[in-house]
Amino acid sequence: IVEERYGVINYVDTQYSSTCELLYYLFEELKQDGMEMDQEIAKCLFRGIYGDTGGFIYPNTTSKTFNALSKIVEYDFDYEEIVLQLRVYKHEIMKVVGWCYQNVIVENGVGHIVFDKETQKMFGKTPNELSYIVNFLGNIEELKVWAVFNEYDNFIRVNLRSRKQYRVSDVAMQYKGGGHPNASGAMLDSFEQKEEILNKLRELVE
């Protein structure tokens, strides 16, 4: 589900786990027109699918996903090295992750953390560089839905994630956003709306 459109042509199909999975099946359809995959394309598609499914643990992973991967890995590339690159992090990143685990607020299944300008400055990171944190919070057993608030110059970006049965996309679409049912993004005008969207997440869990 996508609320905001980009570009001139939009190809949206929510049966796929990711854009890269969609592209794989698009390549399959276009084989007869001579649009063949090669090793480099296969590497990129594997990386994209693995990343967007959280290493196949997110509920967007389906039998179609594994079918695509079974064909992609037939190309001669080191997919084990790609997995390693995606699972190993630099020390400076893990220091941010450690800080997040200590400071995340967890209440009745709903978790959130805020990266305002002051916190971004403390770590020497931009909002875009901190967006990955939302995926680490999924390791907290008590969480059912969670949010990361990142302050930009003129708006607040909210990254939302949830367990399978909770559709955070329904909340995201109320705040200039959208995405997958369990992985979405929203946009707030200011931090004054933070408690408002958190209440929506609490209602979702209840």
C-alpha atoms as a PDB file:
ATOM      1  CA  ILE A   1       0.000   0.000   0.000  1.00  0.00           C
ATOM      2  CA  VAL A   2       1.508   3.322  -1.023  1.00  0.00           C
ATOM      3  CA  GLU A   3      -0.047   6.658  -0.178  1.00  0.00           C
ATOM      4  CA  GLU A   4       2.460   8.927  -1.912  1.00  0.00           C
ATOM      5  CA  ARG A   5       3.273   8.378  -5.584  1.00  0.00           C
ATOM      6  CA  TYR A   6       6.631   9.027  -7.216  1.00  0.00           C
ATOM      7  CA  GLY A   7       7.575   9.618 -10.850  1.00  0.00           C
ATOM      8  CA  VAL A   8       5.324   9.283 -13.865  1.00  0.00           C
ATOM      9  CA  ILE A   9       4.630   5.532 -13.839  1.00  0.00           C
ATOM     10  CA  ASN A  10       3.961   3.616 -10.626  1.00  0.00           C
ATOM     11  CA  TYR A  11       4.103  -0.180 -10.574  1.00  0.00           C
ATOM     12  CA  VAL A  12       2.684  -1.282  -7.225  1.00  0.00           C
ATOM     13  CA  ASP A  13       2.037  -4.932  -6.378  1.00  0.00           C
ATOM     14  CA  THR A  14       1.878  -5.838  -2.691  1.00  0.00           C
ATOM     15  CA  GLN A  15       2.114  -9.599  -3.310  1.00  0.00           C
ATOM     16  CA  TYR A  16       5.889  -9.192  -3.517  1.00  0.00           C
ATOM     17  CA  SER A  17       8.202  -8.850  -0.529  1.00  0.00           C
ATOM     18  CA  SER A  18      10.247  -6.084  -2.094  1.00  0.00           C
ATOM     19  CA  THR A  19      10.992  -4.104  -5.218  1.00  0.00           C
ATOM     20  CA  CYS A  20      13.809  -6.533  -6.003  1.00  0.00           C
ATOM     21  CA  GLU A  21      11.491  -9.534  -5.896  1.00  0.00           C
ATOM     22  CA  LEU A  22       9.086  -7.702  -8.191  1.00  0.00           C
ATOM     23  CA  LEU A  23      11.980  -6.946 -10.560  1.00  0.00           C
ATOM     24  CA  TYR A  24      12.971 -10.612 -10.667  1.00  0.00           C
ATOM     25  CA  TYR A  25       9.514 -11.635 -11.880  1.00  0.00           C
ATOM     26  CA  LEU A  26       9.493  -8.709 -14.296  1.00  0.00           C
ATOM     27  CA  PHE A  27      12.733 -10.032 -15.799  1.00  0.00           C
ATOM     28  CA  GLU A  28      11.084 -13.447 -16.119  1.00  0.00           C
ATOM     29  CA  GLU A  29       8.173 -11.929 -18.029  1.00  0.00           C
ATOM     30  CA  LEU A  30      10.482 -10.005 -20.341  1.00  0.00           C
ATOM     31  CA  LYS A  31      12.828 -12.881 -21.188  1.00  0.00           C
ATOM     32  CA  GLN A  32      11.113 -13.362 -24.531  1.00  0.00           C
ATOM     33  CA  ASP A  33      11.982  -9.756 -25.377  1.00  0.00           C
ATOM     34  CA  GLY A  34      15.652 -10.390 -24.675  1.00  0.00           C
ATOM     35  CA  MET A  35      15.825  -8.770 -21.234  1.00  0.00           C
ATOM     36  CA  GLU A  36      18.000 -11.328 -19.440  1.00  0.00           C
ATOM     37  CA  MET A  37      19.485 -11.157 -15.965  1.00  0.00           C
ATOM     38  CA  ASP A  38      23.226 -11.422 -15.475  1.00  0.00           C
ATOM     39  CA  GLN A  39      25.492 -12.054 -12.493  1.00  0.00           C
ATOM     40  CA  GLU A  40      25.602  -8.438 -11.326  1.00  0.00           C
ATOM     41  CA  ILE A  41      21.835  -8.056 -11.534  1.00  0.00           C
ATOM     42  CA  ALA A  42      21.386 -11.320  -9.631  1.00  0.00           C
ATOM     43  CA  LYS A  43      23.700 -10.086  -6.860  1.00  0.00           C
ATOM     44  CA  CYS A  44      21.746  -6.855  -6.524  1.00  0.00           C
ATOM     45  CA  LEU A  45      18.398  -8.633  -6.453  1.00  0.00           C
ATOM     46  CA  PHE A  46      19.596 -11.107  -3.818  1.00  0.00           C
ATOM     47  CA  ARG A  47      20.890  -8.275  -1.646  1.00  0.00           C
ATOM     48  CA  GLY A  48      17.650  -6.310  -1.986  1.00  0.00           C
ATOM     49  CA  ILE A  49      15.391  -9.255  -1.216  1.00  0.00           C
ATOM     50  CA  TYR A  50      17.492 -10.388   1.739  1.00  0.00           C
ATOM     51  CA  GLY A  51      17.580  -6.871   3.178  1.00  0.00           C
ATOM     52  CA  ASP A  52      13.896  -6.072   2.729  1.00  0.00           C
ATOM     53  CA  THR A  53      12.791  -9.357   4.285  1.00  0.00           C
ATOM     54  CA  GLY A  54      15.136  -8.961   7.262  1.00  0.00           C
ATOM     55  CA  GLY A  55      16.922 -12.149   6.295  1.00  0.00           C
ATOM     56  CA  PHE A  56      13.578 -13.868   5.566  1.00  0.00           C
ATOM     57  CA  ILE A  57      12.120 -13.277   9.039  1.00  0.00           C
ATOM     58  CA  TYR A  58       9.604 -10.555   8.136  1.00  0.00           C
ATOM     59  CA  PRO A  59       6.052 -11.610   7.274  1.00  0.00           C
ATOM     60  CA  ASN A  60       6.467 -10.221   3.745  1.00  0.00           C
ATOM     61  CA  THR A  61       8.483 -13.373   2.969  1.00  0.00           C
ATOM     62  CA  THR A  62       6.421 -15.855   0.925  1.00  0.00           C
ATOM     63  CA  SER A  63       6.872 -18.972  -1.191  1.00  0.00           C
ATOM     64  CA  LYS A  64       7.220 -16.635  -4.193  1.00  0.00           C
ATOM     65  CA  THR A  65      10.194 -15.043  -2.435  1.00  0.00           C
ATOM     66  CA  PHE A  66      11.980 -18.378  -1.994  1.00  0.00           C
ATOM     67  CA  ASN A  67      11.112 -19.401  -5.535  1.00  0.00           C
ATOM     68  CA  ALA A  68      12.767 -16.248  -6.855  1.00  0.00           C
ATOM     69  CA  LEU A  69      15.824 -16.774  -4.641  1.00  0.00           C
ATOM     70  CA  SER A  70      16.216 -20.383  -5.761  1.00  0.00           C
ATOM     71  CA  LYS A  71      16.648 -19.110  -9.324  1.00  0.00           C
ATOM     72  CA  ILE A  72      18.744 -16.083  -8.432  1.00  0.00           C
ATOM     73  CA  VAL A  73      21.390 -18.103  -6.563  1.00  0.00           C
ATOM     74  CA  GLU A  74      21.944 -20.246  -9.681  1.00  0.00           C
ATOM     75  CA  TYR A  75      24.020 -17.330 -10.983  1.00  0.00           C
ATOM     76  CA  ASP A  76      27.678 -17.629 -10.053  1.00  0.00           C
ATOM     77  CA  PHE A  77      28.151 -15.193  -7.176  1.00  0.00           C
ATOM     78  CA  ASP A  78      29.091 -15.466  -3.514  1.00  0.00           C
ATOM     79  CA  TYR A  79      25.767 -14.906  -1.753  1.00  0.00           C
ATOM     80  CA  GLU A  80      27.276 -15.978   1.572  1.00  0.00           C
ATOM     81  CA  GLU A  81      29.559 -12.930   1.405  1.00  0.00           C
ATOM     82  CA  ILE A  82      26.547 -10.686   0.762  1.00  0.00           C
ATOM     83  CA  VAL A  83      24.769 -12.099   3.824  1.00  0.00           C
ATOM     84  CA  LEU A  84      27.888 -11.507   5.925  1.00  0.00           C
ATOM     85  CA  GLN A  85      28.120  -7.900   4.726  1.00  0.00           C
ATOM     86  CA  LEU A  86      24.498  -7.322   5.731  1.00  0.00           C
ATOM     87  CA  ARG A  87      24.839  -8.904   9.177  1.00  0.00           C
ATOM     88  CA  VAL A  88      28.156  -7.441  10.342  1.00  0.00           C
ATOM     89  CA  TYR A  89      28.338  -3.809  11.459  1.00  0.00           C
ATOM     90  CA  LYS A  90      31.077  -1.330  12.300  1.00  0.00           C
ATOM     91  CA  HIS A  91      31.768  -0.598  15.945  1.00  0.00           C
ATOM     92  CA  GLU A  92      30.465   2.982  15.682  1.00  0.00           C
ATOM     93  CA  ILE A  93      27.117   1.691  14.440  1.00  0.00           C
ATOM     94  CA  MET A  94      26.860  -0.858  17.222  1.00  0.00           C
ATOM     95  CA  LYS A  95      27.519   1.886  19.776  1.00  0.00           C
ATOM     96  CA  VAL A  96      24.410   3.659  18.476  1.00  0.00           C
ATOM     97  CA  VAL A  97      22.478   0.385  18.625  1.00  0.00           C
ATOM     98  CA  GLY A  98      23.620  -0.177  22.210  1.00  0.00           C
ATOM     99  CA  TRP A  99      22.482   3.328  23.178  1.00  0.00           C
ATOM    100  CA  CYS A 100      19.100   2.631  21.574  1.00  0.00           C
ATOM    101  CA  TYR A 101      18.599  -0.608  23.495  1.00  0.00           C
ATOM    102  CA  GLN A 102      19.303   1.307  26.724  1.00  0.00           C
ATOM    103  CA  ASN A 103      17.043   4.251  25.908  1.00  0.00           C
ATOM    104  CA  VAL A 104      14.132   2.822  23.933  1.00  0.00           C
ATOM    105  CA  ILE A 105      10.802   3.318  25.702  1.00  0.00           C
ATOM    106  CA  VAL A 106       8.803   0.079  25.880  1.00  0.00           C
ATOM    107  CA  GLU A 107       5.254   0.223  27.191  1.00  0.00           C
ATOM    108  CA  ASN A 108       2.480  -2.357  26.734  1.00  0.00           C
ATOM    109  CA  GLY A 109       3.951  -3.767  23.548  1.00  0.00           C
ATOM    110  CA  VAL A 110       4.665  -0.392  21.947  1.00  0.00           C
ATOM    111  CA  GLY A 111       8.228   0.897  21.683  1.00  0.00           C
ATOM    112  CA  HIS A 112       9.731   4.113  20.405  1.00  0.00           C
ATOM    113  CA  ILE A 113      12.905   6.118  20.337  1.00  0.00           C
ATOM    114  CA  VAL A 114      13.644   9.673  19.229  1.00  0.00           C
ATOM    115  CA  PHE A 115      16.583  11.028  17.256  1.00  0.00           C
ATOM    116  CA  ASP A 116      16.230  14.775  17.550  1.00  0.00           C
ATOM    117  CA  LYS A 117      18.876  17.207  16.301  1.00  0.00           C
ATOM    118  CA  GLU A 118      20.759  17.066  19.598  1.00  0.00           C
ATOM    119  CA  THR A 119      20.982  13.257  19.575  1.00  0.00           C
ATOM    120  CA  GLN A 120      21.996  13.189  15.915  1.00  0.00           C
ATOM    121  CA  LYS A 121      24.771  15.656  16.724  1.00  0.00           C
ATOM    122  CA  MET A 122      25.893  13.519  19.667  1.00  0.00           C
ATOM    123  CA  PHE A 123      26.485  10.579  17.321  1.00  0.00           C
ATOM    124  CA  GLY A 124      27.632  12.688  14.372  1.00  0.00           C
ATOM    125  CA  LYS A 125      24.958  11.088  12.185  1.00  0.00           C
ATOM    126  CA  THR A 126      22.319  12.384   9.796  1.00  0.00           C
ATOM    127  CA  PRO A 127      18.670  11.280  10.031  1.00  0.00           C
ATOM    128  CA  ASN A 128      19.130   9.072   6.960  1.00  0.00           C
ATOM    129  CA  GLU A 129      22.126   7.366   8.566  1.00  0.00           C
ATOM    130  CA  LEU A 130      20.048   6.516  11.641  1.00  0.00           C
ATOM    131  CA  SER A 131      17.018   5.102   9.840  1.00  0.00           C
ATOM    132  CA  TYR A 132      18.402   1.526  10.063  1.00  0.00           C
ATOM    133  CA  ILE A 133      17.897   1.485  13.836  1.00  0.00           C
ATOM    134  CA  VAL A 134      14.226   0.536  13.450  1.00  0.00           C
ATOM    135  CA  ASN A 135      15.220  -2.972  12.347  1.00  0.00           C
ATOM    136  CA  PHE A 136      17.308  -3.617  15.476  1.00  0.00           C
ATOM    137  CA  LEU A 137      14.394  -2.806  17.770  1.00  0.00           C
ATOM    138  CA  GLY A 138      12.592  -5.857  16.400  1.00  0.00           C
ATOM    139  CA  ASN A 139      14.944  -7.980  18.510  1.00  0.00           C
ATOM    140  CA  ILE A 140      13.116  -6.868  21.664  1.00  0.00           C
ATOM    141  CA  GLU A 141      10.724  -9.678  22.554  1.00  0.00           C
ATOM    142  CA  GLU A 142       8.144  -7.510  24.327  1.00  0.00           C
ATOM    143  CA  LEU A 143       7.527  -5.254  21.348  1.00  0.00           C
ATOM    144  CA  LYS A 144       4.521  -5.712  19.085  1.00  0.00           C
ATOM    145  CA  VAL A 145       4.842  -2.400  17.245  1.00  0.00           C
ATOM    146  CA  TRP A 146       7.654   0.139  17.341  1.00  0.00           C
ATOM    147  CA  ALA A 147       8.620   3.518  15.925  1.00  0.00           C
ATOM    148  CA  VAL A 148      11.769   5.544  15.348  1.00  0.00           C
ATOM    149  CA  PHE A 149      11.323   9.321  15.163  1.00  0.00           C
ATOM    150  CA  ASN A 150      13.991  11.152  13.138  1.00  0.00           C
ATOM    151  CA  GLU A 151      14.097  14.933  13.043  1.00  0.00           C
ATOM    152  CA  TYR A 152      14.739  16.619   9.689  1.00  0.00           C
ATOM    153  CA  ASP A 153      14.829  20.367   9.082  1.00  0.00           C
ATOM    154  CA  ASN A 154      11.150  20.762   8.240  1.00  0.00           C
ATOM    155  CA  PHE A 155       9.475  17.530   9.330  1.00  0.00           C
ATOM    156  CA  ILE A 156       9.739  14.409  11.473  1.00  0.00           C
ATOM    157  CA  ARG A 157      10.205  11.086   9.690  1.00  0.00           C
ATOM    158  CA  VAL A 158       8.697   8.088  11.485  1.00  0.00           C
ATOM    159  CA  ASN A 159       9.837   4.561  10.650  1.00  0.00           C
ATOM    160  CA  LEU A 160       7.241   2.006  11.764  1.00  0.00           C
ATOM    161  CA  ARG A 161       7.526  -1.761  12.184  1.00  0.00           C
ATOM    162  CA  SER A 162       5.292  -4.439  13.684  1.00  0.00           C
ATOM    163  CA  ARG A 163       4.713  -8.128  14.232  1.00  0.00           C
ATOM    164  CA  LYS A 164       2.642  -9.920  11.637  1.00  0.00           C
ATOM    165  CA  GLN A 165      -0.852  -9.345  13.042  1.00  0.00           C
ATOM    166  CA  TYR A 166      -0.502  -5.560  13.488  1.00  0.00           C
ATOM    167  CA  ARG A 167      -0.883  -3.376  10.376  1.00  0.00           C
ATOM    168  CA  VAL A 168       1.184  -0.249  10.990  1.00  0.00           C
ATOM    169  CA  SER A 169       0.540   0.816   7.389  1.00  0.00           C
ATOM    170  CA  ASP A 170      -3.002   1.734   8.464  1.00  0.00           C
ATOM    171  CA  VAL A 171      -1.526   4.245  10.913  1.00  0.00           C
ATOM    172  CA  ALA A 172       1.157   5.459   8.494  1.00  0.00           C
ATOM    173  CA  MET A 173      -1.406   6.397   5.867  1.00  0.00           C
ATOM    174  CA  GLN A 174      -3.042   8.767   8.333  1.00  0.00           C
ATOM    175  CA  TYR A 175       0.239  10.695   8.509  1.00  0.00           C
ATOM    176  CA  LYS A 176       1.362  11.320   4.909  1.00  0.00           C
ATOM    177  CA  GLY A 177       2.869   7.854   4.590  1.00  0.00           C
ATOM    178  CA  GLY A 178       2.323   4.226   3.740  1.00  0.00           C
ATOM    179  CA  GLY A 179       4.198   1.060   2.900  1.00  0.00           C
ATOM    180  CA  HIS A 180       3.923  -2.628   3.705  1.00  0.00           C
ATOM    181  CA  PRO A 181       1.463  -3.734   6.420  1.00  0.00           C
ATOM    182  CA  ASN A 182       4.323  -4.425   8.861  1.00  0.00           C
ATOM    183  CA  ALA A 183       6.961  -1.977   7.590  1.00  0.00           C
ATOM    184  CA  SER A 184       5.888   1.565   6.842  1.00  0.00           C
ATOM    185  CA  GLY A 185       6.903   5.186   7.052  1.00  0.00           C
ATOM    186  CA  ALA A 186       5.039   8.312   8.096  1.00  0.00           C
ATOM    187  CA  MET A 187       5.719  12.036   8.248  1.00  0.00           C
ATOM    188  CA  LEU A 188       4.862  14.491  11.027  1.00  0.00           C
ATOM    189  CA  ASP A 189       4.948  18.262  10.912  1.00  0.00           C
ATOM    190  CA  SER A 190       6.556  18.450  14.363  1.00  0.00           C
ATOM    191  CA  PHE A 191       7.204  16.511  17.565  1.00  0.00           C
ATOM    192  CA  GLU A 192       3.878  17.862  18.860  1.00  0.00           C
ATOM    193  CA  GLN A 193       2.250  15.006  16.890  1.00  0.00           C
ATOM    194  CA  LYS A 194       4.459  12.314  18.442  1.00  0.00           C
ATOM    195  CA  GLU A 195       2.081  11.382  21.259  1.00  0.00           C
ATOM    196  CA  GLU A 196      -0.834  11.425  18.828  1.00  0.00           C
ATOM    197  CA  ILE A 197       0.689   8.789  16.538  1.00  0.00           C
ATOM    198  CA  LEU A 198       1.890   6.753  19.535  1.00  0.00           C
ATOM    199  CA  ASN A 199      -1.703   6.647  20.792  1.00  0.00           C
ATOM    200  CA  LYS A 200      -2.746   5.271  17.409  1.00  0.00           C
ATOM    201  CA  LEU A 201      -0.124   2.529  17.783  1.00  0.00           C
ATOM    202  CA  ARG A 202      -1.352   1.755  21.299  1.00  0.00           C
ATOM    203  CA  GLU A 203      -4.889   1.425  19.989  1.00  0.00           C
ATOM    204  CA  LEU A 204      -3.603  -0.911  17.298  1.00  0.00           C
ATOM    205  CA  VAL A 205      -2.083  -3.223  19.917  1.00  0.00           C
ATOM    206  CA  GLU A 206      -5.105  -3.073  22.216  1.00  0.00           C
END
